[in-house]
Amino acid sequence: MEGISRKIVRLKKYEDGIYNTEEFQHFAVIHVRLPKSGNIHDVEIELNEFQVQMAIDKLPTYKIGENLMENLSVNEHKENEAVI
């Protein structure tokens, strides 16, 4: 595992062409290095906001590999999407 980040997607919902409401989706994105190619692959897991924060806080403390805490990065990414 190379790191974990947060992704927040804002879905804007429209009804008959008029803005109606919005919804937020929260994802924990785990960055892993593939063993054969060495490329980094992102695994997105949709959770609620609290669960994402727990994953960010707790995942780095598990002993998955040597020096995990030194190599782990935490980032935040936000997106806006419109649903028509």
PDB file of N, CA and C in Angstrom:
ATOM      1  N   MET A   1       0.845  -1.175   0.000  1.00  0.00           N
ATOM      2  CA  MET A   1       0.000   0.000   0.000  1.00  0.00           C
ATOM      3  C   MET A   1       0.889   1.236   0.000  1.00  0.00           C
ATOM      4  N   GLU A   2       0.580   2.165  -0.894  1.00  0.00           N
ATOM      5  CA  GLU A   2       1.366   3.389  -1.040  1.00  0.00           C
ATOM      6  C   GLU A   2       0.744   4.588  -0.345  1.00  0.00           C
ATOM      7  N   GLY A   3      -0.550   4.541  -0.060  1.00  0.00           N
ATOM      8  CA  GLY A   3      -1.195   5.673   0.593  1.00  0.00           C
ATOM      9  C   GLY A   3      -2.704   5.549   0.543  1.00  0.00           C
ATOM     10  N   ILE A   4      -3.347   6.501   1.187  1.00  0.00           N
ATOM     11  CA  ILE A   4      -4.808   6.546   1.202  1.00  0.00           C
ATOM     12  C   ILE A   4      -5.228   7.999   1.069  1.00  0.00           C
ATOM     13  N   SER A   5      -6.310   8.233   0.351  1.00  0.00           N
ATOM     14  CA  SER A   5      -6.811   9.596   0.201  1.00  0.00           C
ATOM     15  C   SER A   5      -8.332   9.593   0.278  1.00  0.00           C
ATOM     16  N   ARG A   6      -8.876  10.774   0.364  1.00  0.00           N
ATOM     17  CA  ARG A   6     -10.320  10.971   0.437  1.00  0.00           C
ATOM     18  C   ARG A   6     -10.776  11.551  -0.897  1.00  0.00           C
ATOM     19  N   LYS A   7     -11.901  11.075  -1.403  1.00  0.00           N
ATOM     20  CA  LYS A   7     -12.508  11.634  -2.612  1.00  0.00           C
ATOM     21  C   LYS A   7     -13.947  11.971  -2.269  1.00  0.00           C
ATOM     22  N   ILE A   8     -14.339  13.218  -2.547  1.00  0.00           N
ATOM     23  CA  ILE A   8     -15.708  13.668  -2.295  1.00  0.00           C
ATOM     24  C   ILE A   8     -16.310  14.078  -3.629  1.00  0.00           C
ATOM     25  N   VAL A   9     -17.446  13.488  -3.964  1.00  0.00           N
ATOM     26  CA  VAL A   9     -18.134  13.797  -5.213  1.00  0.00           C
ATOM     27  C   VAL A   9     -19.450  14.477  -4.868  1.00  0.00           C
ATOM     28  N   ARG A  10     -19.685  15.657  -5.450  1.00  0.00           N
ATOM     29  CA  ARG A  10     -20.957  16.360  -5.253  1.00  0.00           C
ATOM     30  C   ARG A  10     -21.807  16.125  -6.484  1.00  0.00           C
ATOM     31  N   LEU A  11     -22.938  15.461  -6.302  1.00  0.00           N
ATOM     32  CA  LEU A  11     -23.876  15.212  -7.391  1.00  0.00           C
ATOM     33  C   LEU A  11     -24.962  16.273  -7.334  1.00  0.00           C
ATOM     34  N   LYS A  12     -25.061  17.073  -8.383  1.00  0.00           N
ATOM     35  CA  LYS A  12     -26.132  18.060  -8.473  1.00  0.00           C
ATOM     36  C   LYS A  12     -27.259  17.433  -9.275  1.00  0.00           C
ATOM     37  N   LYS A  13     -28.451  17.383  -8.710  1.00  0.00           N
ATOM     38  CA  LYS A  13     -29.583  16.744  -9.371  1.00  0.00           C
ATOM     39  C   LYS A  13     -30.530  17.806  -9.916  1.00  0.00           C
ATOM     40  N   TYR A  14     -30.939  17.581 -11.165  1.00  0.00           N
ATOM     41  CA  TYR A  14     -31.843  18.493 -11.851  1.00  0.00           C
ATOM     42  C   TYR A  14     -33.129  17.761 -12.201  1.00  0.00           C
ATOM     43  N   GLU A  15     -34.224  18.460 -12.116  1.00  0.00           N
ATOM     44  CA  GLU A  15     -35.523  17.911 -12.512  1.00  0.00           C
ATOM     45  C   GLU A  15     -36.157  18.886 -13.494  1.00  0.00           C
ATOM     46  N   ASP A  16     -36.456  18.416 -14.683  1.00  0.00           N
ATOM     47  CA  ASP A  16     -36.998  19.256 -15.757  1.00  0.00           C
ATOM     48  C   ASP A  16     -36.095  20.450 -16.047  1.00  0.00           C
ATOM     49  N   GLY A  17     -34.783  20.227 -15.992  1.00  0.00           N
ATOM     50  CA  GLY A  17     -33.825  21.275 -16.314  1.00  0.00           C
ATOM     51  C   GLY A  17     -33.605  22.292 -15.218  1.00  0.00           C
ATOM     52  N   ILE A  18     -34.209  22.084 -14.056  1.00  0.00           N
ATOM     53  CA  ILE A  18     -34.074  23.022 -12.936  1.00  0.00           C
ATOM     54  C   ILE A  18     -33.360  22.309 -11.795  1.00  0.00           C
ATOM     55  N   TYR A  19     -32.380  23.006 -11.205  1.00  0.00           N
ATOM     56  CA  TYR A  19     -31.634  22.451 -10.082  1.00  0.00           C
ATOM     57  C   TYR A  19     -32.597  22.096  -8.956  1.00  0.00           C
ATOM     58  N   ASN A  20     -32.481  20.860  -8.459  1.00  0.00           N
ATOM     59  CA  ASN A  20     -33.406  20.383  -7.447  1.00  0.00           C
ATOM     60  C   ASN A  20     -32.717  20.174  -6.105  1.00  0.00           C
ATOM     61  N   THR A  21     -31.627  19.429  -6.101  1.00  0.00           N
ATOM     62  CA  THR A  21     -30.938  19.116  -4.853  1.00  0.00           C
ATOM     63  C   THR A  21     -29.526  18.637  -5.168  1.00  0.00           C
ATOM     64  N   GLU A  22     -28.757  18.396  -4.138  1.00  0.00           N
ATOM     65  CA  GLU A  22     -27.425  17.845  -4.317  1.00  0.00           C
ATOM     66  C   GLU A  22     -27.185  16.747  -3.291  1.00  0.00           C
ATOM     67  N   GLU A  23     -26.251  15.886  -3.624  1.00  0.00           N
ATOM     68  CA  GLU A  23     -25.921  14.752  -2.759  1.00  0.00           C
ATOM     69  C   GLU A  23     -24.402  14.618  -2.776  1.00  0.00           C
ATOM     70  N   PHE A  24     -23.816  14.291  -1.628  1.00  0.00           N
ATOM     71  CA  PHE A  24     -22.373  14.099  -1.547  1.00  0.00           C
ATOM     72  C   PHE A  24     -22.073  12.616  -1.372  1.00  0.00           C
ATOM     73  N   GLN A  25     -21.102  12.135  -2.137  1.00  0.00           N
ATOM     74  CA  GLN A  25     -20.634  10.763  -2.002  1.00  0.00           C
ATOM     75  C   GLN A  25     -19.202  10.820  -1.481  1.00  0.00           C
ATOM     76  N   HIS A  26     -18.879   9.953  -0.538  1.00  0.00           N
ATOM     77  CA  HIS A  26     -17.557   9.945   0.089  1.00  0.00           C
ATOM     78  C   HIS A  26     -16.866   8.617  -0.221  1.00  0.00           C
ATOM     79  N   PHE A  27     -15.608   8.703  -0.636  1.00  0.00           N
ATOM     80  CA  PHE A  27     -14.826   7.520  -0.983  1.00  0.00           C
ATOM     81  C   PHE A  27     -13.495   7.536  -0.251  1.00  0.00           C
ATOM     82  N   ALA A  28     -13.064   6.365   0.209  1.00  0.00           N
ATOM     83  CA  ALA A  28     -11.686   6.160   0.639  1.00  0.00           C
ATOM     84  C   ALA A  28     -10.978   5.586  -0.579  1.00  0.00           C
ATOM     85  N   VAL A  29      -9.881   6.200  -0.987  1.00  0.00           N
ATOM     86  CA  VAL A  29      -9.126   5.742  -2.150  1.00  0.00           C
ATOM     87  C   VAL A  29      -7.792   5.200  -1.646  1.00  0.00           C
ATOM     88  N   ILE A  30      -7.600   3.897  -1.816  1.00  0.00           N
ATOM     89  CA  ILE A  30      -6.373   3.249  -1.363  1.00  0.00           C
ATOM     90  C   ILE A  30      -5.457   3.087  -2.576  1.00  0.00           C
ATOM     91  N   HIS A  31      -4.244   3.596  -2.450  1.00  0.00           N
ATOM     92  CA  HIS A  31      -3.269   3.539  -3.536  1.00  0.00           C
ATOM     93  C   HIS A  31      -2.353   2.346  -3.280  1.00  0.00           C
ATOM     94  N   VAL A  32      -2.364   1.384  -4.205  1.00  0.00           N
ATOM     95  CA  VAL A  32      -1.551   0.178  -4.051  1.00  0.00           C
ATOM     96  C   VAL A  32      -0.613   0.049  -5.242  1.00  0.00           C
ATOM     97  N   ARG A  33       0.572  -0.491  -4.977  1.00  0.00           N
ATOM     98  CA  ARG A  33       1.540  -0.749  -6.045  1.00  0.00           C
ATOM     99  C   ARG A  33       1.375  -2.196  -6.489  1.00  0.00           C
ATOM    100  N   LEU A  34       1.157  -2.386  -7.780  1.00  0.00           N
ATOM    101  CA  LEU A  34       0.988  -3.728  -8.325  1.00  0.00           C
ATOM    102  C   LEU A  34       2.350  -4.427  -8.342  1.00  0.00           C
ATOM    103  N   PRO A  35       2.408  -5.678  -7.848  1.00  0.00           N
ATOM    104  CA  PRO A  35       3.707  -6.342  -7.676  1.00  0.00           C
ATOM    105  C   PRO A  35       4.453  -6.607  -8.992  1.00  0.00           C
ATOM    106  N   LYS A  36       3.768  -7.005 -10.030  1.00  0.00           N
ATOM    107  CA  LYS A  36       4.471  -7.364 -11.270  1.00  0.00           C
ATOM    108  C   LYS A  36       4.919  -6.140 -12.057  1.00  0.00           C
ATOM    109  N   SER A  37       4.019  -5.171 -12.247  1.00  0.00           N
ATOM    110  CA  SER A  37       4.354  -4.017 -13.082  1.00  0.00           C
ATOM    111  C   SER A  37       4.978  -2.874 -12.290  1.00  0.00           C
ATOM    112  N   GLY A  38       4.693  -2.812 -10.991  1.00  0.00           N
ATOM    113  CA  GLY A  38       5.189  -1.701 -10.190  1.00  0.00           C
ATOM    114  C   GLY A  38       4.346  -0.448 -10.321  1.00  0.00           C
ATOM    115  N   ASN A  39       3.287  -0.501 -11.146  1.00  0.00           N
ATOM    116  CA  ASN A  39       2.393   0.648 -11.318  1.00  0.00           C
ATOM    117  C   ASN A  39       1.515   0.820 -10.086  1.00  0.00           C
ATOM    118  N   ILE A  40       1.106   2.056  -9.840  1.00  0.00           N
ATOM    119  CA  ILE A  40       0.198   2.335  -8.717  1.00  0.00           C
ATOM    120  C   ILE A  40      -1.233   2.293  -9.224  1.00  0.00           C
ATOM    121  N   HIS A  41      -2.081   1.565  -8.520  1.00  0.00           N
ATOM    122  CA  HIS A  41      -3.492   1.402  -8.872  1.00  0.00           C
ATOM    123  C   HIS A  41      -4.329   1.949  -7.717  1.00  0.00           C
ATOM    124  N   ASP A  42      -5.406   2.666  -8.025  1.00  0.00           N
ATOM    125  CA  ASP A  42      -6.290   3.220  -6.997  1.00  0.00           C
ATOM    126  C   ASP A  42      -7.522   2.341  -6.842  1.00  0.00           C
ATOM    127  N   VAL A  43      -7.839   2.015  -5.599  1.00  0.00           N
ATOM    128  CA  VAL A  43      -9.035   1.247  -5.270  1.00  0.00           C
ATOM    129  C   VAL A  43      -9.958   2.192  -4.500  1.00  0.00           C
ATOM    130  N   GLU A  44     -11.146   2.483  -5.070  1.00  0.00           N
ATOM    131  CA  GLU A  44     -12.100   3.388  -4.437  1.00  0.00           C
ATOM    132  C   GLU A  44     -13.174   2.588  -3.706  1.00  0.00           C
ATOM    133  N   ILE A  45     -13.429   2.970  -2.455  1.00  0.00           N
ATOM    134  CA  ILE A  45     -14.448   2.315  -1.649  1.00  0.00           C
ATOM    135  C   ILE A  45     -15.413   3.390  -1.157  1.00  0.00           C
ATOM    136  N   GLU A  46     -16.692   3.279  -1.534  1.00  0.00           N
ATOM    137  CA  GLU A  46     -17.672   4.270  -1.093  1.00  0.00           C
ATOM    138  C   GLU A  46     -18.101   3.961   0.335  1.00  0.00           C
ATOM    139  N   LEU A  47     -17.978   4.948   1.195  1.00  0.00           N
ATOM    140  CA  LEU A  47     -18.336   4.847   2.608  1.00  0.00           C
ATOM    141  C   LEU A  47     -19.056   6.136   2.995  1.00  0.00           C
ATOM    142  N   ASN A  48     -19.504   6.207   4.248  1.00  0.00           N
ATOM    143  CA  ASN A  48     -20.016   7.497   4.693  1.00  0.00           C
ATOM    144  C   ASN A  48     -18.837   8.350   5.167  1.00  0.00           C
ATOM    145  N   GLU A  49     -19.074   9.621   5.414  1.00  0.00           N
ATOM    146  CA  GLU A  49     -17.995  10.555   5.741  1.00  0.00           C
ATOM    147  C   GLU A  49     -17.201  10.113   6.971  1.00  0.00           C
ATOM    148  N   PHE A  50     -17.881   9.646   7.992  1.00  0.00           N
ATOM    149  CA  PHE A  50     -17.229   9.196   9.224  1.00  0.00           C
ATOM    150  C   PHE A  50     -16.348   7.978   8.956  1.00  0.00           C
ATOM    151  N   GLN A  51     -16.853   7.021   8.171  1.00  0.00           N
ATOM    152  CA  GLN A  51     -16.085   5.810   7.881  1.00  0.00           C
ATOM    153  C   GLN A  51     -14.825   6.121   7.072  1.00  0.00           C
ATOM    154  N   VAL A  52     -14.912   7.077   6.156  1.00  0.00           N
ATOM    155  CA  VAL A  52     -13.736   7.466   5.380  1.00  0.00           C
ATOM    156  C   VAL A  52     -12.667   8.028   6.316  1.00  0.00           C
ATOM    157  N   GLN A  53     -13.071   8.897   7.238  1.00  0.00           N
ATOM    158  CA  GLN A  53     -12.097   9.473   8.174  1.00  0.00           C
ATOM    159  C   GLN A  53     -11.480   8.390   9.052  1.00  0.00           C
ATOM    160  N   MET A  54     -12.287   7.427   9.482  1.00  0.00           N
ATOM    161  CA  MET A  54     -11.746   6.314  10.283  1.00  0.00           C
ATOM    162  C   MET A  54     -10.718   5.523   9.486  1.00  0.00           C
ATOM    163  N   ALA A  55     -11.004   5.256   8.212  1.00  0.00           N
ATOM    164  CA  ALA A  55     -10.063   4.517   7.369  1.00  0.00           C
ATOM    165  C   ALA A  55      -8.752   5.287   7.221  1.00  0.00           C
ATOM    166  N   ILE A  56      -8.848   6.601   7.017  1.00  0.00           N
ATOM    167  CA  ILE A  56      -7.646   7.429   6.874  1.00  0.00           C
ATOM    168  C   ILE A  56      -6.840   7.434   8.172  1.00  0.00           C
ATOM    169  N   ASP A  57      -7.536   7.472   9.302  1.00  0.00           N
ATOM    170  CA  ASP A  57      -6.842   7.502  10.589  1.00  0.00           C
ATOM    171  C   ASP A  57      -6.238   6.150  10.959  1.00  0.00           C
ATOM    172  N   LYS A  58      -6.940   5.067  10.670  1.00  0.00           N
ATOM    173  CA  LYS A  58      -6.533   3.750  11.164  1.00  0.00           C
ATOM    174  C   LYS A  58      -5.683   2.925  10.208  1.00  0.00           C
ATOM    175  N   LEU A  59      -5.937   3.001   8.921  1.00  0.00           N
ATOM    176  CA  LEU A  59      -5.234   2.136   7.977  1.00  0.00           C
ATOM    177  C   LEU A  59      -3.712   2.269   8.057  1.00  0.00           C
ATOM    178  N   PRO A  60      -3.171   3.477   8.182  1.00  0.00           N
ATOM    179  CA  PRO A  60      -1.710   3.592   8.263  1.00  0.00           C
ATOM    180  C   PRO A  60      -1.097   2.941   9.496  1.00  0.00           C
ATOM    181  N   THR A  61      -1.874   2.669  10.542  1.00  0.00           N
ATOM    182  CA  THR A  61      -1.314   2.096  11.763  1.00  0.00           C
ATOM    183  C   THR A  61      -1.151   0.582  11.691  1.00  0.00           C
ATOM    184  N   TYR A  62      -1.785  -0.068  10.702  1.00  0.00           N
ATOM    185  CA  TYR A  62      -1.656  -1.511  10.568  1.00  0.00           C
ATOM    186  C   TYR A  62      -0.313  -1.854   9.945  1.00  0.00           C
ATOM    187  N   LYS A  63       0.290  -2.938  10.419  1.00  0.00           N
ATOM    188  CA  LYS A  63       1.610  -3.353   9.969  1.00  0.00           C
ATOM    189  C   LYS A  63       1.499  -4.195   8.700  1.00  0.00           C
ATOM    190  N   ILE A  64       1.230  -3.530   7.571  1.00  0.00           N
ATOM    191  CA  ILE A  64       1.100  -4.235   6.299  1.00  0.00           C
ATOM    192  C   ILE A  64       2.475  -4.484   5.693  1.00  0.00           C
ATOM    193  N   GLY A  65       3.401  -3.598   5.923  1.00  0.00           N
ATOM    194  CA  GLY A  65       4.754  -3.742   5.395  1.00  0.00           C
ATOM    195  C   GLY A  65       5.707  -2.927   6.244  1.00  0.00           C
ATOM    196  N   GLU A  66       6.986  -3.097   6.010  1.00  0.00           N
ATOM    197  CA  GLU A  66       7.978  -2.354   6.782  1.00  0.00           C
ATOM    198  C   GLU A  66       7.904  -0.867   6.455  1.00  0.00           C
ATOM    199  N   ASN A  67       8.081  -0.063   7.459  1.00  0.00           N
ATOM    200  CA  ASN A  67       8.129   1.397   7.300  1.00  0.00           C
ATOM    201  C   ASN A  67       6.902   1.968   6.601  1.00  0.00           C
ATOM    202  N   LEU A  68       5.737   1.383   6.839  1.00  0.00           N
ATOM    203  CA  LEU A  68       4.516   1.843   6.171  1.00  0.00           C
ATOM    204  C   LEU A  68       4.216   3.289   6.507  1.00  0.00           C
ATOM    205  N   MET A  69       4.366   3.660   7.771  1.00  0.00           N
ATOM    206  CA  MET A  69       4.043   5.029   8.183  1.00  0.00           C
ATOM    207  C   MET A  69       4.941   6.051   7.482  1.00  0.00           C
ATOM    208  N   GLU A  70       6.196   5.681   7.189  1.00  0.00           N
ATOM    209  CA  GLU A  70       7.117   6.625   6.563  1.00  0.00           C
ATOM    210  C   GLU A  70       6.761   6.870   5.102  1.00  0.00           C
ATOM    211  N   ASN A  71       6.226   5.865   4.428  1.00  0.00           N
ATOM    212  CA  ASN A  71       5.961   5.963   3.000  1.00  0.00           C
ATOM    213  C   ASN A  71       4.521   6.318   2.669  1.00  0.00           C
ATOM    214  N   LEU A  72       3.645   6.389   3.662  1.00  0.00           N
ATOM    215  CA  LEU A  72       2.224   6.588   3.421  1.00  0.00           C
ATOM    216  C   LEU A  72       1.900   8.061   3.238  1.00  0.00           C
ATOM    217  N   SER A  73       1.069   8.374   2.243  1.00  0.00           N
ATOM    218  CA  SER A  73       0.638   9.747   2.034  1.00  0.00           C
ATOM    219  C   SER A  73      -0.875   9.817   2.132  1.00  0.00           C
ATOM    220  N   VAL A  74      -1.387  10.946   2.621  1.00  0.00           N
ATOM    221  CA  VAL A  74      -2.826  11.166   2.738  1.00  0.00           C
ATOM    222  C   VAL A  74      -3.164  12.414   1.938  1.00  0.00           C
ATOM    223  N   ASN A  75      -4.120  12.288   1.001  1.00  0.00           N
ATOM    224  CA  ASN A  75      -4.519  13.395   0.140  1.00  0.00           C
ATOM    225  C   ASN A  75      -6.033  13.534   0.141  1.00  0.00           C
ATOM    226  N   GLU A  76      -6.516  14.668  -0.328  1.00  0.00           N
ATOM    227  CA  GLU A  76      -7.956  14.902  -0.446  1.00  0.00           C
ATOM    228  C   GLU A  76      -8.258  15.368  -1.864  1.00  0.00           C
ATOM    229  N   HIS A  77      -9.318  14.812  -2.445  1.00  0.00           N
ATOM    230  CA  HIS A  77      -9.704  15.131  -3.821  1.00  0.00           C
ATOM    231  C   HIS A  77     -11.202  15.400  -3.843  1.00  0.00           C
ATOM    232  N   LYS A  78     -11.636  16.488  -4.487  1.00  0.00           N
ATOM    233  CA  LYS A  78     -13.050  16.826  -4.565  1.00  0.00           C
ATOM    234  C   LYS A  78     -13.460  16.923  -6.028  1.00  0.00           C
ATOM    235  N   GLU A  79     -14.681  16.480  -6.328  1.00  0.00           N
ATOM    236  CA  GLU A  79     -15.226  16.543  -7.683  1.00  0.00           C
ATOM    237  C   GLU A  79     -16.637  17.073  -7.632  1.00  0.00           C
ATOM    238  N   ASN A  80     -17.066  17.675  -8.701  1.00  0.00           N
ATOM    239  CA  ASN A  80     -18.454  18.096  -8.871  1.00  0.00           C
ATOM    240  C   ASN A  80     -19.024  17.371 -10.077  1.00  0.00           C
ATOM    241  N   GLU A  81     -20.201  16.801  -9.943  1.00  0.00           N
ATOM    242  CA  GLU A  81     -20.861  16.143 -11.043  1.00  0.00           C
ATOM    243  C   GLU A  81     -22.315  16.600 -11.078  1.00  0.00           C
ATOM    244  N   ALA A  82     -22.866  16.684 -12.268  1.00  0.00           N
ATOM    245  CA  ALA A  82     -24.269  17.054 -12.415  1.00  0.00           C
ATOM    246  C   ALA A  82     -25.045  15.867 -12.961  1.00  0.00           C
ATOM    247  N   VAL A  83     -26.194  15.588 -12.344  1.00  0.00           N
ATOM    248  CA  VAL A  83     -27.074  14.530 -12.806  1.00  0.00           C
ATOM    249  C   VAL A  83     -28.323  15.195 -13.380  1.00  0.00           C
ATOM    250  N   ILE A  84     -28.574  14.958 -14.642  1.00  0.00           N
ATOM    251  CA  ILE A  84     -29.709  15.617 -15.305  1.00  0.00           C
ATOM    252  C   ILE A  84     -30.770  14.585 -15.609  1.00  0.00           C
TER     253      ILE A  84
END
